[in-house]
């Protein structure tokens, strides 16, 4: 089975992006990782045309699709709500699921 990457792309208001990064590193990502469903995580800055904010990709790697599905069923609604409650429309996310086919 191939690893699965849960990718959350977030457009963050420029006025709060440094605070958002700190909150993600210190609070949110540790909360997500504490579910035991992911092997690793990373935050990437997306470069390009940024009309409405600073864009980041937050990636969580799961061992397989079953682990990710379990995360969605058991933890995602609460953790996504935490993010929305804290940042509302100042940090808007959309999510994609990527299957890792090859890695060197």
Protein backbone atom coordinates (compact mmCIF):
# COMPACT_ATOMS: atom_id res chain seq x y z
CA UNK A 1 0.00 0.00 0.00
CA UNK A 2 1.17 3.50 -0.78
CA UNK A 3 1.40 6.28 1.78
CA UNK A 4 -1.31 8.91 1.65
CA UNK A 5 -0.67 12.63 2.03
CA UNK A 6 -3.48 14.73 3.43
CA UNK A 7 -2.78 18.20 2.03
CA UNK A 8 -4.47 21.25 3.54
CA UNK A 9 -3.89 24.42 1.52
CA UNK A 10 -4.62 27.54 3.55
CA UNK A 11 -4.83 31.16 2.41
CA UNK A 12 -4.00 33.28 5.45
CA UNK A 13 -4.61 37.00 5.89
CA UNK A 14 -1.21 38.75 5.70
CA UNK A 15 -1.85 40.54 9.00
CA UNK A 16 -2.07 37.30 10.99
CA UNK A 17 0.06 34.82 9.07
CA UNK A 18 2.95 34.85 11.58
CA UNK A 19 0.55 34.25 14.49
CA UNK A 20 -1.17 31.53 12.45
CA UNK A 21 2.15 29.74 11.79
CA UNK A 22 2.97 29.82 15.52
CA UNK A 23 -0.48 28.46 16.43
CA UNK A 24 -0.18 25.72 13.81
CA UNK A 25 3.28 24.65 15.07
CA UNK A 26 2.52 24.90 18.78
CA UNK A 27 -1.14 23.85 19.03
CA UNK A 28 -2.93 22.57 15.95
CA UNK A 29 -0.36 20.27 14.37
CA UNK A 30 0.51 18.65 17.73
CA UNK A 31 -3.25 18.07 18.25
CA UNK A 32 -3.52 16.42 14.81
CA UNK A 33 -0.41 14.31 15.38
CA UNK A 34 -1.64 13.21 18.80
CA UNK A 35 -4.46 11.31 17.07
CA UNK A 36 -1.87 8.70 16.08
CA UNK A 37 -3.15 8.60 12.50
CA UNK A 38 -0.15 10.28 10.83
CA UNK A 39 3.53 9.44 10.52
CA UNK A 40 4.84 12.95 9.85
CA UNK A 41 3.86 16.47 8.89
CA UNK A 42 5.28 19.56 7.25
CA UNK A 43 4.36 23.14 6.45
CA UNK A 44 5.27 24.57 3.06
CA UNK A 45 4.92 28.12 1.77
CA UNK A 46 3.22 28.30 -1.62
CA UNK A 47 4.84 30.87 -3.90
CA UNK A 48 3.06 32.47 -6.81
CA UNK A 49 0.33 34.99 -7.28
CA UNK A 50 -1.18 35.67 -3.88
CA UNK A 51 -4.12 37.99 -4.27
CA UNK A 52 -5.87 37.51 -0.95
CA UNK A 53 -3.20 36.40 1.46
CA UNK A 54 -0.20 34.26 2.17
CA UNK A 55 -0.68 30.65 1.10
CA UNK A 56 0.61 27.57 2.87
CA UNK A 57 0.32 23.83 2.32
CA UNK A 58 0.19 21.76 5.49
CA UNK A 59 0.82 18.10 4.75
CA UNK A 60 0.22 15.09 6.96
CA UNK A 61 1.45 11.66 5.86
CA UNK A 62 -0.63 8.60 6.73
CA UNK A 63 0.57 5.02 6.33
CA UNK A 64 -2.51 4.16 4.25
CA UNK A 65 -5.99 5.29 3.28
CA UNK A 66 -7.57 3.43 6.20
CA UNK A 67 -5.65 5.57 8.70
CA UNK A 68 -6.78 8.73 6.92
CA UNK A 69 -10.41 7.57 6.78
CA UNK A 70 -10.23 6.81 10.49
CA UNK A 71 -8.89 10.34 11.12
CA UNK A 72 -11.77 11.82 9.11
CA UNK A 73 -14.36 9.80 11.05
CA UNK A 74 -12.95 10.22 14.54
CA UNK A 75 -11.06 13.52 14.69
CA UNK A 76 -11.32 15.82 11.65
CA UNK A 77 -14.62 17.56 12.45
CA UNK A 78 -13.42 18.69 15.90
CA UNK A 79 -9.98 19.78 14.72
CA UNK A 80 -11.33 21.61 11.67
CA UNK A 81 -13.83 23.38 13.93
CA UNK A 82 -10.97 24.50 16.21
CA UNK A 83 -9.30 26.12 13.20
CA UNK A 84 -12.48 27.83 11.99
CA UNK A 85 -13.38 29.02 15.50
CA UNK A 86 -9.91 30.56 15.92
CA UNK A 87 -9.42 32.13 12.47
CA UNK A 88 -12.75 32.15 10.61
CA UNK A 89 -12.39 33.71 7.16
CA UNK A 90 -8.88 34.98 7.97
CA UNK A 91 -7.44 31.52 7.20
CA UNK A 92 -9.46 29.68 4.57
CA UNK A 93 -8.57 26.05 3.87
CA UNK A 94 -9.24 23.54 1.15
CA UNK A 95 -8.18 19.93 1.34
CA UNK A 96 -6.84 17.34 -1.09
CA UNK A 97 -5.73 13.74 -0.74
CA UNK A 98 -2.55 12.68 -2.50
CA UNK A 99 -1.28 9.14 -3.03
CA UNK A 100 2.50 8.80 -2.90
CA UNK A 101 3.55 6.67 -5.87
CA UNK A 102 7.32 7.20 -5.85
CA UNK A 103 9.87 8.75 -3.53
CA UNK A 104 13.69 8.83 -3.65
